[in-house]
N, C-alpha and C. Protein backbone atom coordinates (compact mmCIF):
# COMPACT_ATOMS: atom_id res chain seq x y z
N MET A 1 -139.17 -164.09 46.56
CA MET A 1 -137.88 -164.76 46.25
C MET A 1 -136.77 -163.65 46.51
N THR A 2 -135.76 -164.11 47.23
CA THR A 2 -134.63 -163.39 47.46
C THR A 2 -133.43 -163.75 46.62
N ALA A 3 -132.68 -162.81 46.17
CA ALA A 3 -131.45 -163.03 45.32
C ALA A 3 -130.27 -163.28 46.22
N ALA A 4 -129.33 -164.25 45.80
CA ALA A 4 -128.15 -164.45 46.60
C ALA A 4 -127.12 -163.29 46.37
N LEU A 5 -126.59 -162.98 47.55
CA LEU A 5 -125.63 -161.88 47.48
C LEU A 5 -124.33 -162.48 47.10
N ARG A 6 -123.64 -161.95 46.05
CA ARG A 6 -122.29 -162.32 45.55
C ARG A 6 -121.39 -161.28 45.95
N LEU A 7 -120.42 -161.56 46.72
CA LEU A 7 -119.27 -160.59 47.13
C LEU A 7 -118.18 -160.91 46.30
N PRO A 8 -117.41 -159.83 45.98
CA PRO A 8 -116.02 -160.01 45.22
C PRO A 8 -115.15 -161.03 45.94
N ASP A 9 -114.50 -161.81 45.18
CA ASP A 9 -113.57 -162.70 45.90
C ASP A 9 -112.28 -162.04 46.16
N LYS A 10 -112.22 -161.50 47.39
CA LYS A 10 -111.05 -160.67 47.92
C LYS A 10 -110.55 -161.28 49.12
N ARG A 11 -109.28 -161.13 49.30
CA ARG A 11 -108.76 -161.54 50.72
C ARG A 11 -108.27 -160.36 51.45
N ASP A 12 -108.09 -159.21 50.88
CA ASP A 12 -107.53 -158.01 51.56
C ASP A 12 -108.42 -156.84 51.24
N TRP A 13 -109.45 -156.54 52.03
CA TRP A 13 -110.44 -155.60 51.73
C TRP A 13 -109.98 -154.21 52.35
N THR A 14 -110.40 -153.04 51.71
CA THR A 14 -110.14 -151.80 52.26
C THR A 14 -111.46 -151.12 52.48
N VAL A 15 -111.39 -149.97 53.24
CA VAL A 15 -112.70 -149.27 53.43
C VAL A 15 -113.23 -148.77 52.15
N GLU A 16 -112.28 -148.35 51.19
CA GLU A 16 -112.85 -148.01 49.84
C GLU A 16 -113.78 -149.03 49.27
N ASP A 17 -113.30 -150.43 49.41
CA ASP A 17 -114.01 -151.50 48.81
C ASP A 17 -115.44 -151.69 49.41
N LEU A 18 -115.71 -151.16 50.62
CA LEU A 18 -116.96 -151.29 51.26
C LEU A 18 -118.01 -150.49 50.50
N ALA A 19 -117.70 -149.43 49.71
CA ALA A 19 -118.66 -148.61 48.92
C ALA A 19 -119.30 -149.60 47.84
N SER A 20 -118.77 -150.76 47.53
CA SER A 20 -119.34 -151.61 46.65
C SER A 20 -120.37 -152.49 47.20
N LEU A 21 -120.52 -152.48 48.45
CA LEU A 21 -121.35 -153.37 49.23
C LEU A 21 -122.90 -152.87 49.32
N PRO A 22 -123.88 -153.57 49.26
CA PRO A 22 -125.27 -152.95 49.41
C PRO A 22 -125.31 -152.13 50.87
N GLU A 23 -125.96 -151.12 50.86
CA GLU A 23 -125.99 -150.24 52.03
C GLU A 23 -126.73 -150.92 53.17
N VAL A 24 -127.63 -151.81 53.00
CA VAL A 24 -128.32 -152.58 54.13
C VAL A 24 -127.53 -153.58 54.68
N LEU A 25 -126.40 -153.99 54.04
CA LEU A 25 -125.61 -155.10 54.63
C LEU A 25 -124.85 -154.60 55.82
N ARG A 26 -125.05 -155.51 56.91
CA ARG A 26 -124.22 -155.28 58.16
C ARG A 26 -122.93 -155.86 58.04
N TYR A 27 -121.77 -155.19 58.13
CA TYR A 27 -120.48 -155.73 57.96
C TYR A 27 -119.46 -155.18 59.05
N GLU A 28 -118.30 -155.86 59.20
CA GLU A 28 -117.22 -155.12 59.83
C GLU A 28 -115.96 -155.50 59.01
N LEU A 29 -114.97 -154.65 59.11
CA LEU A 29 -113.75 -154.73 58.40
C LEU A 29 -112.60 -154.86 59.44
N ILE A 30 -111.93 -155.99 59.62
CA ILE A 30 -111.07 -156.06 60.74
C ILE A 30 -109.71 -156.47 60.06
N ASP A 31 -108.79 -155.48 60.09
CA ASP A 31 -107.45 -155.71 59.44
C ASP A 31 -107.58 -156.26 57.99
N GLY A 32 -108.47 -155.70 57.17
CA GLY A 32 -108.62 -156.11 55.83
C GLY A 32 -109.37 -157.31 55.56
N ARG A 33 -109.98 -157.94 56.68
CA ARG A 33 -110.87 -159.11 56.53
C ARG A 33 -112.30 -158.69 56.78
N LEU A 34 -113.22 -159.06 55.70
CA LEU A 34 -114.55 -158.73 55.82
C LEU A 34 -115.26 -159.71 56.57
N VAL A 35 -116.02 -159.27 57.56
CA VAL A 35 -116.86 -160.01 58.53
C VAL A 35 -118.28 -159.55 58.31
N LEU A 36 -119.21 -160.51 58.21
CA LEU A 36 -120.68 -160.29 58.12
C LEU A 36 -121.35 -160.84 59.39
N PRO A 37 -121.37 -160.00 60.56
CA PRO A 37 -121.92 -160.48 61.79
C PRO A 37 -123.38 -160.66 61.64
N SER A 38 -123.84 -161.52 62.59
CA SER A 38 -125.42 -161.67 62.59
C SER A 38 -125.65 -161.82 64.06
N PRO A 39 -125.89 -160.66 64.72
CA PRO A 39 -126.18 -160.70 66.11
C PRO A 39 -127.54 -161.30 66.43
N THR A 40 -127.59 -161.98 67.54
CA THR A 40 -128.91 -162.57 67.94
C THR A 40 -129.87 -161.37 68.58
N PRO A 41 -131.10 -161.68 68.66
CA PRO A 41 -131.89 -160.67 69.33
C PRO A 41 -131.42 -160.41 70.80
N PHE A 42 -130.94 -161.45 71.45
CA PHE A 42 -130.38 -161.12 72.78
C PHE A 42 -129.27 -160.38 72.73
N GLN A 43 -128.31 -160.33 71.85
CA GLN A 43 -127.10 -159.53 71.79
C GLN A 43 -127.78 -158.10 71.71
N ARG A 44 -128.77 -157.86 70.84
CA ARG A 44 -129.21 -156.50 70.62
C ARG A 44 -129.77 -155.95 71.92
N VAL A 45 -130.57 -156.77 72.55
CA VAL A 45 -131.17 -156.48 73.86
C VAL A 45 -130.19 -156.03 75.00
N LEU A 46 -129.07 -156.85 74.98
CA LEU A 46 -128.05 -156.64 76.07
C LEU A 46 -127.38 -155.25 75.56
N GLY A 47 -127.26 -155.10 74.34
CA GLY A 47 -126.58 -153.87 74.01
C GLY A 47 -127.31 -152.60 74.38
N TYR A 48 -128.71 -152.81 74.12
CA TYR A 48 -129.59 -151.56 74.59
C TYR A 48 -129.30 -151.52 76.13
N GLN A 49 -129.49 -152.66 76.83
CA GLN A 49 -129.39 -152.52 78.30
C GLN A 49 -128.07 -151.83 78.79
N LEU A 50 -127.06 -152.30 78.08
CA LEU A 50 -125.67 -151.73 78.56
C LEU A 50 -125.64 -150.15 78.15
N ALA A 51 -126.28 -149.85 77.02
CA ALA A 51 -126.30 -148.30 76.63
C ALA A 51 -127.04 -147.62 77.75
N THR A 52 -128.12 -148.22 78.31
CA THR A 52 -128.91 -147.58 79.35
C THR A 52 -128.15 -147.40 80.58
N MET A 53 -127.33 -148.50 80.97
CA MET A 53 -126.56 -148.37 82.18
C MET A 53 -125.42 -147.34 82.06
N LEU A 54 -124.99 -147.10 80.78
CA LEU A 54 -123.88 -146.14 80.71
C LEU A 54 -124.26 -144.72 80.55
N ARG A 55 -125.58 -144.49 80.55
CA ARG A 55 -126.10 -143.14 80.36
C ARG A 55 -125.91 -142.23 81.67
N PRO A 56 -126.37 -142.71 82.78
CA PRO A 56 -126.06 -141.83 84.07
C PRO A 56 -124.57 -141.37 84.14
N ASN A 57 -124.43 -140.26 84.46
CA ASN A 57 -123.06 -139.74 84.69
C ASN A 57 -122.22 -139.49 83.37
N CYS A 58 -122.75 -139.83 82.23
CA CYS A 58 -122.01 -139.74 81.06
C CYS A 58 -121.78 -138.30 80.87
N PRO A 59 -120.56 -137.85 80.42
CA PRO A 59 -120.12 -136.47 80.15
C PRO A 59 -121.22 -135.94 79.23
N ALA A 60 -121.52 -134.70 79.44
CA ALA A 60 -122.64 -133.87 78.78
C ALA A 60 -122.45 -134.05 77.24
N THR A 61 -121.24 -134.03 76.76
CA THR A 61 -120.99 -133.95 75.23
C THR A 61 -120.85 -135.35 74.64
N TYR A 62 -121.11 -136.35 75.45
CA TYR A 62 -121.05 -137.80 75.00
C TYR A 62 -122.34 -138.49 75.12
N VAL A 63 -122.58 -139.54 74.25
CA VAL A 63 -123.84 -140.23 74.28
C VAL A 63 -123.51 -141.82 73.98
N PRO A 64 -124.12 -142.66 74.85
CA PRO A 64 -123.90 -144.04 74.56
C PRO A 64 -124.86 -144.56 73.54
N VAL A 65 -124.31 -145.08 72.52
CA VAL A 65 -125.07 -145.57 71.29
C VAL A 65 -124.91 -147.06 70.88
N PRO A 66 -125.90 -147.77 70.76
CA PRO A 66 -125.69 -149.21 70.35
C PRO A 66 -125.53 -149.29 68.83
N ASP A 67 -124.75 -150.21 68.49
CA ASP A 67 -124.66 -150.79 67.05
C ASP A 67 -124.10 -149.67 66.04
N LEU A 68 -122.92 -149.18 66.39
CA LEU A 68 -122.50 -147.94 65.44
C LEU A 68 -121.23 -148.28 64.78
N SER A 69 -120.96 -148.01 63.63
CA SER A 69 -119.76 -148.20 62.89
C SER A 69 -118.72 -147.24 63.16
N LEU A 70 -117.41 -147.66 63.31
CA LEU A 70 -116.33 -146.76 63.60
C LEU A 70 -115.21 -146.82 62.57
N ASP A 71 -114.94 -145.63 62.03
CA ASP A 71 -114.03 -145.56 60.87
C ASP A 71 -112.54 -145.49 61.65
N ILE A 72 -111.87 -146.51 61.28
CA ILE A 72 -110.53 -146.60 62.16
C ILE A 72 -109.34 -146.24 61.24
N ASP A 73 -109.29 -147.04 60.09
CA ASP A 73 -108.18 -146.78 59.19
C ASP A 73 -108.48 -147.51 57.88
N CYS A 74 -107.58 -147.42 56.88
CA CYS A 74 -108.01 -147.73 55.51
C CYS A 74 -108.40 -149.37 55.46
N ARG A 75 -107.96 -149.99 56.59
CA ARG A 75 -108.19 -151.53 56.56
C ARG A 75 -109.05 -151.98 57.63
N SER A 76 -109.72 -151.14 58.39
CA SER A 76 -110.59 -151.52 59.54
C SER A 76 -111.72 -150.53 59.67
N GLU A 77 -112.87 -151.00 59.68
CA GLU A 77 -114.20 -150.26 60.08
C GLU A 77 -114.89 -151.19 61.06
N LEU A 78 -114.87 -151.07 62.28
CA LEU A 78 -115.57 -151.92 63.16
C LEU A 78 -116.99 -151.50 63.59
N ARG A 79 -117.74 -152.42 64.06
CA ARG A 79 -119.08 -152.05 64.30
C ARG A 79 -119.46 -152.66 65.74
N PRO A 80 -118.93 -151.92 66.78
CA PRO A 80 -119.11 -152.55 68.15
C PRO A 80 -120.64 -152.39 68.53
N ASP A 81 -120.87 -153.21 69.60
CA ASP A 81 -122.19 -153.34 70.11
C ASP A 81 -122.76 -152.12 70.80
N VAL A 82 -121.84 -151.33 71.51
CA VAL A 82 -122.15 -150.06 72.14
C VAL A 82 -120.85 -149.18 72.08
N VAL A 83 -121.12 -147.91 71.82
CA VAL A 83 -120.02 -146.96 71.81
C VAL A 83 -120.40 -145.67 72.53
N VAL A 84 -119.72 -145.23 73.33
CA VAL A 84 -119.87 -143.79 74.00
C VAL A 84 -119.15 -142.85 73.06
N VAL A 85 -119.93 -142.10 72.37
CA VAL A 85 -119.40 -141.36 71.28
C VAL A 85 -119.64 -139.71 71.47
N HIS A 86 -118.82 -138.90 71.00
CA HIS A 86 -118.96 -137.58 71.15
C HIS A 86 -120.16 -137.06 70.33
N GLU A 87 -121.02 -136.15 70.80
CA GLU A 87 -122.19 -135.67 70.32
C GLU A 87 -122.00 -135.09 68.81
N ARG A 88 -120.79 -134.58 68.56
CA ARG A 88 -120.62 -133.84 67.31
C ARG A 88 -120.71 -134.90 66.08
N TYR A 89 -120.59 -136.20 66.45
CA TYR A 89 -120.65 -137.29 65.45
C TYR A 89 -122.04 -137.91 65.32
N MET A 90 -122.98 -137.33 66.01
CA MET A 90 -124.31 -138.09 66.12
C MET A 90 -125.17 -138.07 64.64
N THR A 91 -124.60 -137.30 63.79
CA THR A 91 -125.44 -137.49 62.52
C THR A 91 -124.39 -138.10 61.45
N ARG A 92 -123.36 -138.74 61.74
CA ARG A 92 -122.42 -139.35 60.80
C ARG A 92 -122.33 -140.88 61.00
N SER A 93 -122.08 -141.48 59.95
CA SER A 93 -121.84 -142.92 60.04
C SER A 93 -120.95 -143.29 58.78
N PRO A 94 -119.80 -143.85 58.96
CA PRO A 94 -119.22 -144.32 60.29
C PRO A 94 -118.69 -143.06 61.10
N VAL A 95 -118.54 -143.25 62.30
CA VAL A 95 -117.99 -142.24 63.15
C VAL A 95 -116.42 -142.34 63.19
N PRO A 96 -115.66 -141.25 63.21
CA PRO A 96 -114.31 -141.43 63.30
C PRO A 96 -113.92 -141.94 64.75
N ILE A 97 -112.92 -142.87 64.74
CA ILE A 97 -112.60 -143.54 65.98
C ILE A 97 -112.19 -142.57 67.05
N ASP A 98 -111.54 -141.41 66.68
CA ASP A 98 -111.20 -140.49 67.85
C ASP A 98 -112.49 -139.87 68.52
N GLY A 99 -113.61 -140.02 68.15
CA GLY A 99 -114.83 -139.73 68.69
C GLY A 99 -115.27 -140.67 69.71
N ALA A 100 -114.63 -141.95 69.86
CA ALA A 100 -115.27 -142.83 70.72
C ALA A 100 -114.33 -142.74 72.16
N MET A 101 -115.19 -142.65 73.25
CA MET A 101 -114.62 -142.56 74.62
C MET A 101 -114.45 -144.05 75.01
N LEU A 102 -115.52 -144.77 74.92
CA LEU A 102 -115.50 -146.21 75.34
C LEU A 102 -116.27 -147.04 74.33
N VAL A 103 -115.62 -148.26 74.05
CA VAL A 103 -116.21 -149.19 73.08
C VAL A 103 -116.43 -150.51 73.81
N VAL A 104 -117.67 -151.03 73.60
CA VAL A 104 -118.11 -152.22 74.25
C VAL A 104 -118.46 -153.25 73.09
N GLU A 105 -117.94 -154.49 73.26
CA GLU A 105 -118.29 -155.53 72.39
C GLU A 105 -119.04 -156.64 73.19
N ILE A 106 -120.03 -157.38 72.65
CA ILE A 106 -120.64 -158.41 73.18
C ILE A 106 -120.36 -159.60 72.47
N ILE A 107 -119.83 -160.71 73.17
CA ILE A 107 -119.36 -161.91 72.50
C ILE A 107 -120.55 -162.79 72.04
N SER A 108 -120.36 -163.32 70.92
CA SER A 108 -121.45 -164.27 70.34
C SER A 108 -120.66 -165.44 70.34
N PRO A 109 -121.28 -166.68 70.17
CA PRO A 109 -120.60 -167.97 69.90
C PRO A 109 -119.55 -167.99 68.94
N THR A 110 -119.75 -167.08 67.86
CA THR A 110 -118.90 -167.17 66.72
C THR A 110 -117.85 -165.94 66.61
N SER A 111 -117.97 -164.99 67.71
CA SER A 111 -117.18 -163.83 67.65
C SER A 111 -116.07 -163.79 68.83
N ARG A 112 -115.82 -164.80 69.53
CA ARG A 112 -114.93 -164.72 70.67
C ARG A 112 -113.56 -164.42 70.26
N PHE A 113 -112.93 -165.02 69.35
CA PHE A 113 -111.56 -164.61 68.81
C PHE A 113 -111.50 -163.13 68.34
N GLN A 114 -112.56 -162.79 67.65
CA GLN A 114 -112.51 -161.39 66.92
C GLN A 114 -112.56 -160.53 68.25
N ASP A 115 -113.43 -160.63 69.09
CA ASP A 115 -113.66 -159.59 70.15
C ASP A 115 -112.51 -159.63 71.26
N MET A 116 -112.02 -160.86 71.56
CA MET A 116 -110.95 -160.79 72.54
C MET A 116 -109.56 -160.72 72.07
N TYR A 117 -109.42 -160.92 70.81
CA TYR A 117 -108.02 -160.80 70.32
C TYR A 117 -107.83 -159.84 69.12
N ALA A 118 -108.42 -160.13 67.97
CA ALA A 118 -108.32 -159.34 66.86
C ALA A 118 -108.62 -157.84 66.93
N LYS A 119 -109.87 -157.61 67.68
CA LYS A 119 -110.34 -156.28 67.83
C LYS A 119 -109.45 -155.59 68.90
N THR A 120 -108.99 -156.27 69.94
CA THR A 120 -108.15 -155.61 70.96
C THR A 120 -106.93 -155.06 70.30
N ARG A 121 -106.34 -155.65 69.23
CA ARG A 121 -105.15 -155.21 68.52
C ARG A 121 -105.60 -153.87 67.76
N VAL A 122 -106.67 -153.83 67.07
CA VAL A 122 -106.99 -152.76 66.17
C VAL A 122 -107.43 -151.53 67.11
N TYR A 123 -108.15 -151.80 68.17
CA TYR A 123 -108.68 -150.65 68.96
C TYR A 123 -107.37 -150.15 69.81
N ALA A 124 -106.50 -150.95 70.26
CA ALA A 124 -105.32 -150.40 70.96
C ALA A 124 -104.44 -149.63 69.96
N ALA A 125 -104.31 -149.97 68.81
CA ALA A 125 -103.47 -149.34 67.75
C ALA A 125 -104.12 -147.87 67.40
N ALA A 126 -105.46 -147.92 67.47
CA ALA A 126 -106.32 -146.63 67.32
C ALA A 126 -106.39 -145.78 68.53
N ARG A 127 -105.61 -146.28 69.60
CA ARG A 127 -105.54 -145.37 70.73
C ARG A 127 -106.88 -145.20 71.51
N VAL A 128 -107.78 -146.36 71.44
CA VAL A 128 -108.99 -146.23 72.26
C VAL A 128 -108.65 -146.70 73.73
N ASP A 129 -108.77 -145.72 74.74
CA ASP A 129 -108.41 -145.91 75.97
C ASP A 129 -109.24 -146.98 76.82
N ASP A 130 -110.38 -147.10 76.52
CA ASP A 130 -111.39 -148.01 77.23
C ASP A 130 -111.97 -148.94 76.24
N TYR A 131 -111.72 -150.24 76.38
CA TYR A 131 -112.43 -151.21 75.63
C TYR A 131 -112.91 -152.29 76.58
N TRP A 132 -114.32 -152.62 76.41
CA TRP A 132 -114.91 -153.58 77.36
C TRP A 132 -115.52 -154.75 76.49
N VAL A 133 -115.35 -155.99 76.99
CA VAL A 133 -115.91 -157.08 76.35
C VAL A 133 -116.86 -157.75 77.28
N VAL A 134 -118.15 -157.89 76.91
CA VAL A 134 -119.15 -158.58 77.68
C VAL A 134 -119.41 -159.95 77.08
N ASP A 135 -119.32 -160.93 77.97
CA ASP A 135 -119.36 -162.36 77.57
C ASP A 135 -120.55 -163.00 78.23
N PRO A 136 -121.73 -163.07 77.49
CA PRO A 136 -122.87 -163.63 77.88
C PRO A 136 -122.78 -165.27 77.96
N THR A 137 -121.86 -165.87 77.43
CA THR A 137 -121.77 -167.27 77.15
C THR A 137 -120.94 -167.96 78.42
N PHE A 138 -120.44 -166.98 79.33
CA PHE A 138 -119.70 -167.52 80.48
C PHE A 138 -120.66 -168.33 81.43
N GLY A 139 -120.26 -169.52 81.77
CA GLY A 139 -121.12 -170.26 82.49
C GLY A 139 -121.52 -169.87 83.82
N GLU A 140 -120.72 -169.11 84.55
CA GLU A 140 -121.06 -168.60 85.99
C GLU A 140 -121.73 -167.33 85.95
N GLY A 141 -122.21 -166.82 84.88
CA GLY A 141 -122.94 -165.58 84.69
C GLY A 141 -122.20 -164.66 83.62
N VAL A 142 -122.89 -163.55 83.18
CA VAL A 142 -122.32 -162.73 82.26
C VAL A 142 -121.06 -162.22 82.80
N GLU A 143 -119.95 -162.20 81.96
CA GLU A 143 -118.68 -161.62 82.48
C GLU A 143 -118.29 -160.43 81.74
N LEU A 144 -117.90 -159.47 82.43
CA LEU A 144 -117.51 -158.15 81.86
C LEU A 144 -115.90 -157.98 82.00
N THR A 145 -115.19 -157.89 80.91
CA THR A 145 -113.80 -157.85 80.90
C THR A 145 -113.25 -156.42 80.40
N ILE A 146 -112.53 -155.69 81.12
CA ILE A 146 -111.93 -154.40 80.71
C ILE A 146 -110.56 -154.42 80.35
N PHE A 147 -110.31 -153.79 79.18
CA PHE A 147 -108.89 -153.61 78.63
C PHE A 147 -108.55 -152.18 78.58
N ARG A 148 -107.29 -151.88 78.94
CA ARG A 148 -106.79 -150.55 78.90
C ARG A 148 -105.35 -150.70 78.30
N PRO A 149 -104.97 -149.63 77.71
CA PRO A 149 -103.52 -149.64 77.15
C PRO A 149 -102.46 -149.79 78.26
N GLY A 150 -101.54 -150.67 78.10
CA GLY A 150 -100.39 -150.78 78.93
C GLY A 150 -99.13 -149.93 78.60
N ARG A 151 -98.12 -150.22 79.26
CA ARG A 151 -96.88 -149.31 78.80
C ARG A 151 -96.53 -149.43 77.42
N SER A 152 -96.64 -150.61 76.86
CA SER A 152 -96.28 -150.74 75.40
C SER A 152 -97.19 -150.29 74.49
N GLY A 153 -98.40 -149.88 74.95
CA GLY A 153 -99.42 -149.28 74.07
C GLY A 153 -100.58 -150.44 73.68
N GLU A 154 -100.07 -151.76 73.89
CA GLU A 154 -101.11 -152.76 73.68
C GLU A 154 -101.99 -153.00 74.86
N TYR A 155 -103.19 -153.52 74.62
CA TYR A 155 -104.02 -153.80 75.72
C TYR A 155 -103.68 -154.75 76.69
N GLU A 156 -103.94 -154.36 78.06
CA GLU A 156 -103.81 -155.30 79.12
C GLU A 156 -105.18 -155.38 79.83
N MET A 157 -105.51 -156.58 80.20
CA MET A 157 -106.74 -156.91 80.87
C MET A 157 -106.60 -156.36 82.33
N THR A 158 -107.40 -155.44 82.56
CA THR A 158 -107.26 -154.77 84.03
C THR A 158 -108.46 -155.23 84.92
N LEU A 159 -109.55 -155.96 84.50
CA LEU A 159 -110.41 -156.43 85.17
C LEU A 159 -111.40 -157.48 84.58
N SER A 160 -111.76 -158.40 85.11
CA SER A 160 -112.74 -159.34 84.64
C SER A 160 -113.64 -159.83 85.73
N THR A 161 -114.94 -159.55 85.59
CA THR A 161 -115.88 -159.88 86.72
C THR A 161 -117.23 -160.29 86.24
N ASN A 162 -117.93 -160.99 87.09
CA ASN A 162 -119.41 -161.36 86.98
C ASN A 162 -120.21 -160.69 88.04
N LYS A 163 -119.51 -159.76 88.68
CA LYS A 163 -120.20 -159.01 89.87
C LYS A 163 -120.62 -157.60 89.38
N ALA A 164 -121.26 -156.89 90.27
CA ALA A 164 -121.59 -155.61 89.86
C ALA A 164 -120.27 -154.71 89.88
N LEU A 165 -120.27 -153.79 88.83
CA LEU A 165 -119.08 -153.06 88.66
C LEU A 165 -119.35 -151.51 88.90
N ASP A 166 -118.62 -151.04 89.67
CA ASP A 166 -118.43 -149.47 89.89
C ASP A 166 -117.21 -149.10 89.59
N THR A 167 -117.06 -148.06 88.70
CA THR A 167 -115.71 -147.65 88.30
C THR A 167 -115.90 -146.15 88.00
N ASP A 168 -114.69 -145.40 88.08
CA ASP A 168 -114.62 -143.97 87.74
C ASP A 168 -114.04 -143.73 86.34
N VAL A 169 -113.69 -144.83 85.68
CA VAL A 169 -112.91 -144.70 84.41
C VAL A 169 -113.72 -145.36 83.34
N PRO A 170 -114.01 -144.71 82.31
CA PRO A 170 -113.71 -143.34 81.92
C PRO A 170 -114.53 -142.27 82.53
N TYR A 171 -115.61 -142.58 83.23
CA TYR A 171 -116.41 -141.69 83.99
C TYR A 171 -117.13 -142.52 84.88
N PRO A 172 -117.66 -141.92 86.02
CA PRO A 172 -118.46 -142.80 87.02
C PRO A 172 -119.49 -143.68 86.27
N ILE A 173 -119.29 -144.96 86.48
CA ILE A 173 -120.25 -145.87 85.76
C ILE A 173 -120.58 -147.08 86.76
N THR A 174 -121.84 -147.51 86.75
CA THR A 174 -122.28 -148.69 87.45
C THR A 174 -122.80 -149.52 86.48
N ILE A 175 -122.36 -150.78 86.35
CA ILE A 175 -122.89 -151.76 85.56
C ILE A 175 -123.36 -153.01 86.44
N ASP A 176 -124.60 -153.15 86.35
CA ASP A 176 -125.35 -154.29 87.19
C ASP A 176 -125.20 -155.65 86.42
N VAL A 177 -123.98 -156.24 86.47
CA VAL A 177 -123.63 -157.44 85.79
C VAL A 177 -124.58 -158.65 86.27
N PRO A 178 -124.92 -158.73 87.55
CA PRO A 178 -125.93 -159.87 87.86
C PRO A 178 -127.23 -159.63 87.14
N ALA A 179 -127.74 -158.31 87.07
CA ALA A 179 -128.90 -158.15 86.37
C ALA A 179 -128.94 -158.69 84.87
N LEU A 180 -127.79 -158.36 84.26
CA LEU A 180 -127.42 -158.94 82.76
C LEU A 180 -127.49 -160.42 82.86
N THR A 181 -126.97 -161.02 83.92
CA THR A 181 -127.01 -162.53 83.99
C THR A 181 -128.35 -163.02 84.09
N ALA A 182 -129.13 -162.34 84.95
CA ALA A 182 -130.61 -162.79 85.13
C ALA A 182 -131.42 -162.60 83.87
N LEU A 183 -131.01 -161.57 83.05
CA LEU A 183 -131.74 -161.34 81.69
C LEU A 183 -131.39 -162.57 80.82
N ARG A 184 -130.09 -162.87 80.82
CA ARG A 184 -129.55 -163.97 79.91
C ARG A 184 -130.30 -165.25 80.36
N ASP A 185 -130.27 -165.52 81.68
CA ASP A 185 -130.95 -166.81 82.15
C ASP A 185 -132.36 -166.79 81.82
N LYS A 186 -133.12 -165.64 81.86
CA LYS A 186 -134.58 -165.68 81.57
C LYS A 186 -134.72 -166.11 80.01
N TYR A 187 -133.81 -165.53 79.18
CA TYR A 187 -133.94 -165.93 77.78
C TYR A 187 -133.47 -167.27 77.47
N LEU A 188 -132.42 -167.82 78.23
CA LEU A 188 -132.07 -169.25 78.05
C LEU A 188 -133.15 -170.16 78.44
N ALA A 189 -133.87 -169.93 79.57
CA ALA A 189 -135.02 -170.70 80.00
C ALA A 189 -136.21 -170.65 78.96
N ALA A 190 -136.27 -169.61 78.24
CA ALA A 190 -137.38 -169.50 77.32
C ALA A 190 -137.16 -170.00 75.94
N ARG A 191 -135.74 -170.45 75.70
CA ARG A 191 -135.55 -170.61 74.29
C ARG A 191 -136.16 -171.92 73.73
N ASP A 192 -136.29 -171.93 72.40
CA ASP A 192 -136.89 -172.99 71.67
C ASP A 192 -135.84 -173.81 70.93
N ASP A 193 -135.46 -174.92 71.46
CA ASP A 193 -134.36 -175.64 70.90
C ASP A 193 -134.84 -176.56 69.72
N ALA A 194 -136.04 -176.36 69.35
CA ALA A 194 -136.55 -177.30 68.28
C ALA A 194 -135.95 -176.97 66.97
């Protein structure tokens, strides 16, 4: 028998409040709003695939890591699907946001607003130069969207594609987006809708 988890009735959470949560609980804090994400196995597999694609050419002192908490400020502690993080933080959790070179979120059916809008504001304010969103729910194939700071400091969408990506920013990276689409389609064909 499992016990029901009772969370305090709060509307404006802080990072200090997170200490009262069970350690095994997966959570994100977005501008004072507590979110309890529940990624699908496919999202996890996609995150590991992306981390693998980010490894070649990664600067020697950085490591692509899936599912890592980032300490941003007193009202935000995000948990992106993949982070390219400085090796000096490999034994810490959460990792200070200034250790993140690239942040990647994978959209789920319930996270579109958070990943495309709420988190863009938080990451831009934290001065993360490279923020990518991967959308496996896009009908024409997995879609990769890249955000970078504009002149105002807020993010601007610089690219959105469902084709293979070759970029030199933040380092030379090749992402085989069609291979991610094939993986998605394989799992969609195998799913049990019962």
